[in-house]
């Protein structure tokens, strides 16, 4: 009966030592998994940045085309007016151009 108890204690002690070693050293597979997850996250972040940049570029193209149109409209309104009369439409077009130009400038800086 004494030898069975000794074997059981040795087995428990061996399990304790093994469990301590497993807890103190992270498994290699988990480390590799973290690297893979980080690589996926980095790729995803790059793809999101690329998509955001493409969207920003499309918005810049659309907004600059709209600026050209508004500027041409403003030119036509100014050409129709005279030195003594300032059309309300001229002021409205100038304000629209100013707001849109500010938006384009901010997008070019990357603020939006």
N, C-alpha and C. Protein backbone atom coordinates (compact mmCIF):
# COMPACT_ATOMS: atom_id res chain seq x y z
N UNK A 1 0.82 -1.17 0.00
CA UNK A 1 0.00 0.00 0.00
C UNK A 1 0.86 1.24 0.00
N UNK A 2 2.00 1.22 0.62
CA UNK A 2 2.92 2.33 0.68
C UNK A 2 3.47 2.69 -0.67
N UNK A 3 3.73 1.66 -1.52
CA UNK A 3 4.29 1.96 -2.83
C UNK A 3 3.24 2.60 -3.74
N UNK A 4 1.96 2.23 -3.58
CA UNK A 4 0.90 2.86 -4.38
C UNK A 4 0.79 4.34 -4.02
N UNK A 5 0.90 4.64 -2.75
CA UNK A 5 0.83 6.04 -2.31
C UNK A 5 2.03 6.80 -2.83
N UNK A 6 3.20 6.19 -2.83
CA UNK A 6 4.40 6.84 -3.34
C UNK A 6 4.26 7.11 -4.83
N UNK A 7 3.74 6.14 -5.57
CA UNK A 7 3.53 6.32 -7.00
C UNK A 7 2.52 7.44 -7.27
N UNK A 8 1.47 7.48 -6.50
CA UNK A 8 0.44 8.50 -6.68
C UNK A 8 1.02 9.89 -6.39
N UNK A 9 1.83 9.98 -5.31
CA UNK A 9 2.45 11.26 -4.98
C UNK A 9 3.45 11.69 -6.06
N UNK A 10 4.24 10.73 -6.58
CA UNK A 10 5.16 11.05 -7.66
C UNK A 10 4.41 11.50 -8.92
N UNK A 11 3.29 10.84 -9.20
CA UNK A 11 2.48 11.22 -10.36
C UNK A 11 1.91 12.62 -10.17
N UNK A 12 1.38 12.92 -9.00
CA UNK A 12 0.84 14.26 -8.73
C UNK A 12 1.94 15.32 -8.82
N UNK A 13 3.11 15.00 -8.26
CA UNK A 13 4.23 15.95 -8.31
C UNK A 13 4.66 16.18 -9.77
N UNK A 14 4.73 15.12 -10.57
CA UNK A 14 5.11 15.26 -11.98
C UNK A 14 4.08 16.10 -12.73
N UNK A 15 2.79 15.88 -12.46
CA UNK A 15 1.75 16.68 -13.09
C UNK A 15 1.86 18.14 -12.67
N UNK A 16 2.16 18.38 -11.41
CA UNK A 16 2.32 19.75 -10.92
C UNK A 16 3.47 20.45 -11.62
N UNK A 17 4.61 19.76 -11.76
CA UNK A 17 5.77 20.33 -12.43
C UNK A 17 5.44 20.61 -13.89
N UNK A 18 4.78 19.68 -14.55
CA UNK A 18 4.41 19.84 -15.95
C UNK A 18 3.44 21.02 -16.12
N UNK A 19 2.46 21.12 -15.26
CA UNK A 19 1.50 22.22 -15.33
C UNK A 19 2.19 23.56 -15.09
N UNK A 20 3.13 23.62 -14.18
CA UNK A 20 3.87 24.85 -13.90
C UNK A 20 4.67 25.27 -15.12
N UNK A 21 5.32 24.30 -15.77
CA UNK A 21 6.09 24.61 -16.97
C UNK A 21 5.19 25.09 -18.10
N UNK A 22 4.05 24.47 -18.28
CA UNK A 22 3.14 24.86 -19.34
C UNK A 22 2.59 26.27 -19.12
N UNK A 23 2.33 26.61 -17.86
CA UNK A 23 1.79 27.93 -17.56
C UNK A 23 2.85 29.02 -17.69
N UNK A 24 4.09 28.70 -17.43
CA UNK A 24 5.13 29.72 -17.46
C UNK A 24 5.66 29.98 -18.86
N UNK A 25 5.53 29.03 -19.78
CA UNK A 25 6.01 29.19 -21.14
C UNK A 25 4.82 29.21 -22.10
N UNK A 26 4.65 30.31 -22.84
CA UNK A 26 3.54 30.32 -23.79
C UNK A 26 3.82 29.33 -24.91
N UNK A 27 2.82 28.63 -25.33
CA UNK A 27 3.02 27.66 -26.40
C UNK A 27 3.39 28.36 -27.71
N UNK A 28 4.21 27.72 -28.49
CA UNK A 28 4.66 28.28 -29.76
C UNK A 28 3.49 28.51 -30.71
N UNK A 29 2.54 27.61 -30.72
CA UNK A 29 1.41 27.74 -31.64
C UNK A 29 0.63 29.02 -31.34
N UNK A 30 0.45 29.34 -30.07
CA UNK A 30 -0.28 30.56 -29.72
C UNK A 30 0.51 31.78 -30.16
N UNK A 31 1.82 31.74 -30.02
CA UNK A 31 2.65 32.86 -30.48
C UNK A 31 2.55 33.04 -31.98
N UNK A 32 2.57 31.94 -32.70
CA UNK A 32 2.43 32.00 -34.15
C UNK A 32 1.05 32.51 -34.55
N UNK A 33 0.05 32.11 -33.79
CA UNK A 33 -1.31 32.55 -34.08
C UNK A 33 -1.42 34.07 -33.88
N UNK A 34 -0.75 34.60 -32.84
CA UNK A 34 -0.78 36.04 -32.61
C UNK A 34 -0.11 36.78 -33.77
N UNK A 35 0.97 36.23 -34.29
CA UNK A 35 1.66 36.85 -35.43
C UNK A 35 0.74 36.85 -36.65
N UNK A 36 0.05 35.74 -36.88
CA UNK A 36 -0.86 35.65 -38.01
C UNK A 36 -2.00 36.65 -37.85
N UNK A 37 -2.54 36.77 -36.64
CA UNK A 37 -3.62 37.72 -36.38
C UNK A 37 -3.12 39.14 -36.60
N UNK A 38 -1.92 39.46 -36.14
CA UNK A 38 -1.35 40.79 -36.35
C UNK A 38 -1.17 41.08 -37.84
N UNK A 39 -0.71 40.09 -38.59
CA UNK A 39 -0.53 40.28 -40.03
C UNK A 39 -1.87 40.53 -40.71
N UNK A 40 -2.91 39.80 -40.31
CA UNK A 40 -4.24 40.01 -40.87
C UNK A 40 -4.76 41.40 -40.51
N UNK A 41 -4.53 41.83 -39.28
CA UNK A 41 -4.98 43.15 -38.84
C UNK A 41 -4.27 44.24 -39.63
N UNK A 42 -2.96 44.07 -39.84
CA UNK A 42 -2.19 45.06 -40.59
C UNK A 42 -2.67 45.12 -42.04
N UNK A 43 -2.92 43.96 -42.66
CA UNK A 43 -3.44 43.94 -44.03
C UNK A 43 -4.81 44.61 -44.11
N UNK A 44 -5.66 44.30 -43.12
CA UNK A 44 -7.00 44.89 -43.09
C UNK A 44 -6.92 46.41 -42.94
N UNK A 45 -6.04 46.89 -42.04
CA UNK A 45 -5.88 48.33 -41.84
C UNK A 45 -5.37 49.00 -43.12
N UNK A 46 -4.42 48.36 -43.79
CA UNK A 46 -3.90 48.91 -45.05
C UNK A 46 -4.99 48.97 -46.11
N UNK A 47 -5.79 47.91 -46.20
CA UNK A 47 -6.87 47.89 -47.18
C UNK A 47 -7.91 48.96 -46.87
N UNK A 48 -8.23 49.15 -45.60
CA UNK A 48 -9.19 50.19 -45.21
C UNK A 48 -8.63 51.58 -45.54
N UNK A 49 -7.35 51.79 -45.31
CA UNK A 49 -6.72 53.08 -45.63
C UNK A 49 -6.73 53.29 -47.14
N UNK A 50 -6.47 52.23 -47.90
CA UNK A 50 -6.49 52.33 -49.36
C UNK A 50 -7.89 52.68 -49.85
N UNK A 51 -8.91 52.02 -49.31
CA UNK A 51 -10.29 52.30 -49.70
C UNK A 51 -10.69 53.73 -49.32
N UNK A 52 -10.28 54.18 -48.14
CA UNK A 52 -10.59 55.55 -47.72
C UNK A 52 -9.91 56.56 -48.64
N UNK A 53 -8.69 56.27 -49.05
CA UNK A 53 -7.98 57.15 -49.96
C UNK A 53 -8.66 57.20 -51.33
N UNK A 54 -9.11 56.05 -51.83
CA UNK A 54 -9.82 56.02 -53.11
C UNK A 54 -11.12 56.81 -53.03
N UNK A 55 -11.82 56.67 -51.92
CA UNK A 55 -13.07 57.42 -51.74
C UNK A 55 -12.79 58.91 -51.66
N UNK A 56 -11.75 59.29 -50.92
CA UNK A 56 -11.38 60.70 -50.81
C UNK A 56 -11.02 61.27 -52.17
N UNK A 57 -10.28 60.50 -52.97
CA UNK A 57 -9.90 60.94 -54.31
C UNK A 57 -11.12 61.14 -55.19
N UNK A 58 -12.08 60.22 -55.12
CA UNK A 58 -13.31 60.35 -55.91
C UNK A 58 -14.09 61.59 -55.48
N UNK A 59 -14.15 61.84 -54.18
CA UNK A 59 -14.84 63.03 -53.68
C UNK A 59 -14.14 64.30 -54.14
N UNK A 60 -12.81 64.29 -54.14
CA UNK A 60 -12.05 65.45 -54.61
C UNK A 60 -12.34 65.73 -56.09
N UNK A 61 -12.37 64.68 -56.89
CA UNK A 61 -12.66 64.84 -58.31
C UNK A 61 -14.07 65.41 -58.51
N UNK A 62 -15.03 64.87 -57.77
CA UNK A 62 -16.42 65.34 -57.88
C UNK A 62 -16.52 66.80 -57.44
N UNK A 63 -15.90 67.12 -56.30
CA UNK A 63 -15.98 68.48 -55.75
C UNK A 63 -15.26 69.50 -56.63
N UNK A 64 -14.12 69.13 -57.20
CA UNK A 64 -13.42 70.08 -58.07
C UNK A 64 -14.19 70.32 -59.36
N UNK A 65 -14.86 69.28 -59.86
CA UNK A 65 -15.71 69.47 -61.04
C UNK A 65 -16.86 70.42 -60.70
N UNK A 66 -17.42 70.26 -59.51
CA UNK A 66 -18.49 71.15 -59.08
C UNK A 66 -17.96 72.58 -58.92
N UNK A 67 -16.74 72.73 -58.43
CA UNK A 67 -16.12 74.06 -58.33
C UNK A 67 -16.00 74.72 -59.70
N UNK A 68 -15.61 73.95 -60.69
CA UNK A 68 -15.49 74.48 -62.05
C UNK A 68 -16.86 74.97 -62.53
N UNK A 69 -17.88 74.17 -62.30
CA UNK A 69 -19.23 74.55 -62.72
C UNK A 69 -19.70 75.81 -62.00
N UNK A 70 -19.50 75.85 -60.68
CA UNK A 70 -19.91 77.04 -59.92
C UNK A 70 -19.15 78.28 -60.35
N UNK A 71 -17.87 78.12 -60.62
CA UNK A 71 -17.05 79.26 -61.06
C UNK A 71 -17.52 79.78 -62.41
N UNK A 72 -17.84 78.86 -63.32
CA UNK A 72 -18.36 79.28 -64.62
C UNK A 72 -19.70 79.99 -64.46
N UNK A 73 -20.56 79.48 -63.57
CA UNK A 73 -21.84 80.15 -63.29
C UNK A 73 -21.60 81.56 -62.75
N UNK A 74 -20.67 81.68 -61.81
CA UNK A 74 -20.36 82.98 -61.22
C UNK A 74 -19.87 83.95 -62.31
N UNK A 75 -19.03 83.46 -63.17
CA UNK A 75 -18.52 84.31 -64.26
C UNK A 75 -19.65 84.82 -65.14
N UNK A 76 -20.60 83.94 -65.47
CA UNK A 76 -21.75 84.35 -66.28
C UNK A 76 -22.59 85.41 -65.56
N UNK A 77 -22.83 85.21 -64.25
CA UNK A 77 -23.62 86.18 -63.48
C UNK A 77 -22.91 87.54 -63.42
N UNK A 78 -21.59 87.50 -63.22
CA UNK A 78 -20.83 88.76 -63.14
C UNK A 78 -20.85 89.46 -64.50
N UNK A 79 -20.72 88.69 -65.56
CA UNK A 79 -20.75 89.28 -66.91
C UNK A 79 -22.10 89.94 -67.20
N UNK A 80 -23.18 89.39 -66.66
CA UNK A 80 -24.52 89.95 -66.89
C UNK A 80 -24.79 91.19 -66.04
N UNK A 81 -24.09 91.30 -64.90
CA UNK A 81 -24.34 92.44 -64.01
C UNK A 81 -23.56 93.66 -64.50
N UNK A 82 -23.83 94.80 -63.89
CA UNK A 82 -23.06 96.00 -64.25
C UNK A 82 -22.40 96.55 -62.99
N UNK A 83 -21.70 97.63 -63.12
CA UNK A 83 -20.92 98.20 -62.03
C UNK A 83 -21.78 98.70 -60.88
N UNK A 84 -23.05 98.97 -61.14
CA UNK A 84 -23.90 99.55 -60.10
C UNK A 84 -24.85 98.55 -59.45
N UNK A 85 -24.99 97.38 -60.04
CA UNK A 85 -25.92 96.39 -59.50
C UNK A 85 -25.17 95.09 -59.23
N UNK A 86 -25.28 94.62 -57.98
CA UNK A 86 -24.68 93.34 -57.60
C UNK A 86 -25.81 92.36 -57.35
N UNK A 87 -25.90 91.36 -58.16
CA UNK A 87 -26.97 90.37 -58.07
C UNK A 87 -26.83 89.53 -56.81
N UNK A 88 -27.97 89.17 -56.25
CA UNK A 88 -27.99 88.26 -55.09
C UNK A 88 -27.41 86.91 -55.51
N UNK A 89 -27.67 86.51 -56.74
CA UNK A 89 -27.14 85.25 -57.25
C UNK A 89 -25.62 85.24 -57.26
N UNK A 90 -25.01 86.37 -57.55
CA UNK A 90 -23.55 86.46 -57.56
C UNK A 90 -23.00 86.18 -56.16
N UNK A 91 -23.63 86.78 -55.17
CA UNK A 91 -23.20 86.58 -53.78
C UNK A 91 -23.40 85.13 -53.36
N UNK A 92 -24.55 84.55 -53.72
CA UNK A 92 -24.82 83.15 -53.37
C UNK A 92 -23.80 82.21 -54.01
N UNK A 93 -23.50 82.43 -55.28
CA UNK A 93 -22.52 81.58 -55.98
C UNK A 93 -21.14 81.73 -55.34
N UNK A 94 -20.78 82.93 -54.99
CA UNK A 94 -19.47 83.15 -54.36
C UNK A 94 -19.39 82.43 -53.02
N UNK A 95 -20.48 82.45 -52.25
CA UNK A 95 -20.51 81.74 -50.96
C UNK A 95 -20.42 80.23 -51.16
N UNK A 96 -21.13 79.71 -52.16
CA UNK A 96 -21.06 78.27 -52.45
C UNK A 96 -19.64 77.87 -52.83
N UNK A 97 -19.02 78.70 -53.66
CA UNK A 97 -17.64 78.41 -54.08
C UNK A 97 -16.70 78.42 -52.88
N UNK A 98 -16.88 79.40 -52.02
CA UNK A 98 -16.03 79.51 -50.84
C UNK A 98 -16.15 78.29 -49.94
N UNK A 99 -17.38 77.86 -49.67
CA UNK A 99 -17.60 76.68 -48.81
C UNK A 99 -17.01 75.41 -49.44
N UNK A 100 -17.28 75.24 -50.73
CA UNK A 100 -16.79 74.05 -51.40
C UNK A 100 -15.26 74.06 -51.51
N UNK A 101 -14.68 75.21 -51.76
CA UNK A 101 -13.22 75.31 -51.82
C UNK A 101 -12.60 74.96 -50.47
N UNK A 102 -13.23 75.39 -49.40
CA UNK A 102 -12.73 75.06 -48.06
C UNK A 102 -12.80 73.53 -47.83
N UNK A 103 -13.91 72.93 -48.25
CA UNK A 103 -14.05 71.47 -48.10
C UNK A 103 -12.98 70.73 -48.90
N UNK A 104 -12.74 71.18 -50.13
CA UNK A 104 -11.72 70.54 -50.97
C UNK A 104 -10.35 70.69 -50.32
N UNK A 105 -10.05 71.85 -49.80
CA UNK A 105 -8.76 72.09 -49.15
C UNK A 105 -8.57 71.15 -47.95
N UNK A 106 -9.61 71.00 -47.15
CA UNK A 106 -9.51 70.11 -45.99
C UNK A 106 -9.34 68.65 -46.42
N UNK A 107 -10.04 68.23 -47.46
CA UNK A 107 -9.89 66.86 -47.94
C UNK A 107 -8.47 66.62 -48.48
N UNK A 108 -7.93 67.63 -49.13
CA UNK A 108 -6.56 67.49 -49.65
C UNK A 108 -5.55 67.37 -48.52
N UNK A 109 -5.82 68.02 -47.43
CA UNK A 109 -4.95 67.91 -46.25
C UNK A 109 -5.13 66.58 -45.54
N UNK A 110 -6.22 65.91 -45.84
CA UNK A 110 -6.49 64.63 -45.20
C UNK A 110 -7.23 64.77 -43.91
N UNK A 111 -7.84 65.91 -43.65
CA UNK A 111 -8.55 66.14 -42.40
C UNK A 111 -9.90 65.46 -42.39
N UNK A 112 -10.50 65.23 -43.54
CA UNK A 112 -11.83 64.61 -43.59
C UNK A 112 -11.74 63.19 -44.05
